[in-house]
């Protein structure tokens, strides 16, 4: 019975391992670069409006 349960859960463990590897190699760097781009965009937008309204 234990071998049958282990055999049934094998594809699930493989899927979890693949998803974890995909997250570490693709999604994490992509989200970091998107976050950095949004941060840069907001900073330049703030600097523009700071000059327009003469904020200190």
C-alpha atoms as a PDB file:
ATOM      1  CA  UNK A   1       0.000   0.000   0.000  1.00  0.00           C
ATOM      2  CA  UNK A   2       2.833   2.406   0.826  1.00  0.00           C
ATOM      3  CA  UNK A   3       4.453   1.744  -2.537  1.00  0.00           C
ATOM      4  CA  UNK A   4       1.169   2.491  -4.327  1.00  0.00           C
ATOM      5  CA  UNK A   5       0.768   5.793  -2.487  1.00  0.00           C
ATOM      6  CA  UNK A   6       4.378   6.716  -3.224  1.00  0.00           C
ATOM      7  CA  UNK A   7       3.883   5.835  -6.898  1.00  0.00           C
ATOM      8  CA  UNK A   8       0.731   7.974  -7.076  1.00  0.00           C
ATOM      9  CA  UNK A   9       2.427  10.956  -5.399  1.00  0.00           C
ATOM     10  CA  UNK A  10       5.555  10.789  -7.580  1.00  0.00           C
ATOM     11  CA  UNK A  11       4.172  13.021 -10.398  1.00  0.00           C
ATOM     12  CA  UNK A  12       3.056  15.573  -7.811  1.00  0.00           C
ATOM     13  CA  UNK A  13       6.521  15.758  -6.271  1.00  0.00           C
ATOM     14  CA  UNK A  14       8.098  16.104  -9.716  1.00  0.00           C
ATOM     15  CA  UNK A  15       5.662  18.919 -10.563  1.00  0.00           C
ATOM     16  CA  UNK A  16       6.442  20.747  -7.321  1.00  0.00           C
ATOM     17  CA  UNK A  17      10.179  20.436  -7.978  1.00  0.00           C
ATOM     18  CA  UNK A  18       9.811  21.774 -11.522  1.00  0.00           C
ATOM     19  CA  UNK A  19       7.660  24.696 -10.380  1.00  0.00           C
ATOM     20  CA  UNK A  20      10.181  25.584  -7.698  1.00  0.00           C
ATOM     21  CA  UNK A  21      13.043  25.515 -10.205  1.00  0.00           C
ATOM     22  CA  UNK A  22      11.023  27.613 -12.651  1.00  0.00           C
ATOM     23  CA  UNK A  23      10.278  30.180  -9.929  1.00  0.00           C
ATOM     24  CA  UNK A  24      13.925  30.471  -8.939  1.00  0.00           C
ATOM     25  CA  UNK A  25      15.217  30.802 -12.493  1.00  0.00           C
ATOM     26  CA  UNK A  26      12.494  32.813 -14.269  1.00  0.00           C
ATOM     27  CA  UNK A  27       9.907  34.501 -12.086  1.00  0.00           C
ATOM     28  CA  UNK A  28      12.143  35.855  -9.328  1.00  0.00           C
ATOM     29  CA  UNK A  29      14.614  37.724 -11.623  1.00  0.00           C
ATOM     30  CA  UNK A  30      11.746  38.948 -13.792  1.00  0.00           C
ATOM     31  CA  UNK A  31       9.825  40.365 -10.839  1.00  0.00           C
ATOM     32  CA  UNK A  32      13.001  42.003  -9.520  1.00  0.00           C
ATOM     33  CA  UNK A  33      13.668  43.738 -12.838  1.00  0.00           C
ATOM     34  CA  UNK A  34      10.033  44.881 -13.133  1.00  0.00           C
ATOM     35  CA  UNK A  35      10.177  46.248  -9.582  1.00  0.00           C
ATOM     36  CA  UNK A  36      13.387  48.135 -10.316  1.00  0.00           C
ATOM     37  CA  UNK A  37      11.854  49.602 -13.482  1.00  0.00           C
ATOM     38  CA  UNK A  38       8.732  50.773 -11.662  1.00  0.00           C
ATOM     39  CA  UNK A  39      10.877  52.282  -8.911  1.00  0.00           C
ATOM     40  CA  UNK A  40      12.935  54.192 -11.493  1.00  0.00           C
ATOM     41  CA  UNK A  41       9.779  55.395 -13.257  1.00  0.00           C
ATOM     42  CA  UNK A  42       8.244  56.682 -10.017  1.00  0.00           C
ATOM     43  CA  UNK A  43      11.488  58.403  -9.046  1.00  0.00           C
ATOM     44  CA  UNK A  44      11.762  60.259 -12.350  1.00  0.00           C
ATOM     45  CA  UNK A  45       8.062  61.158 -12.209  1.00  0.00           C
ATOM     46  CA  UNK A  46       8.520  62.578  -8.703  1.00  0.00           C
ATOM     47  CA  UNK A  47      11.578  64.563  -9.764  1.00  0.00           C
ATOM     48  CA  UNK A  48       9.637  66.045 -12.709  1.00  0.00           C
ATOM     49  CA  UNK A  49       6.714  67.186 -10.557  1.00  0.00           C
ATOM     50  CA  UNK A  50       9.121  68.436  -7.899  1.00  0.00           C
ATOM     51  CA  UNK A  51      10.584  70.814 -10.492  1.00  0.00           C
ATOM     52  CA  UNK A  52       7.151  71.866 -11.768  1.00  0.00           C
ATOM     53  CA  UNK A  53       5.726  72.750  -8.347  1.00  0.00           C
ATOM     54  CA  UNK A  54       9.094  73.796  -6.865  1.00  0.00           C
ATOM     55  CA  UNK A  55       8.908  71.382  -3.957  1.00  0.00           C
ATOM     56  CA  UNK A  56      11.824  71.267  -1.567  1.00  0.00           C
END
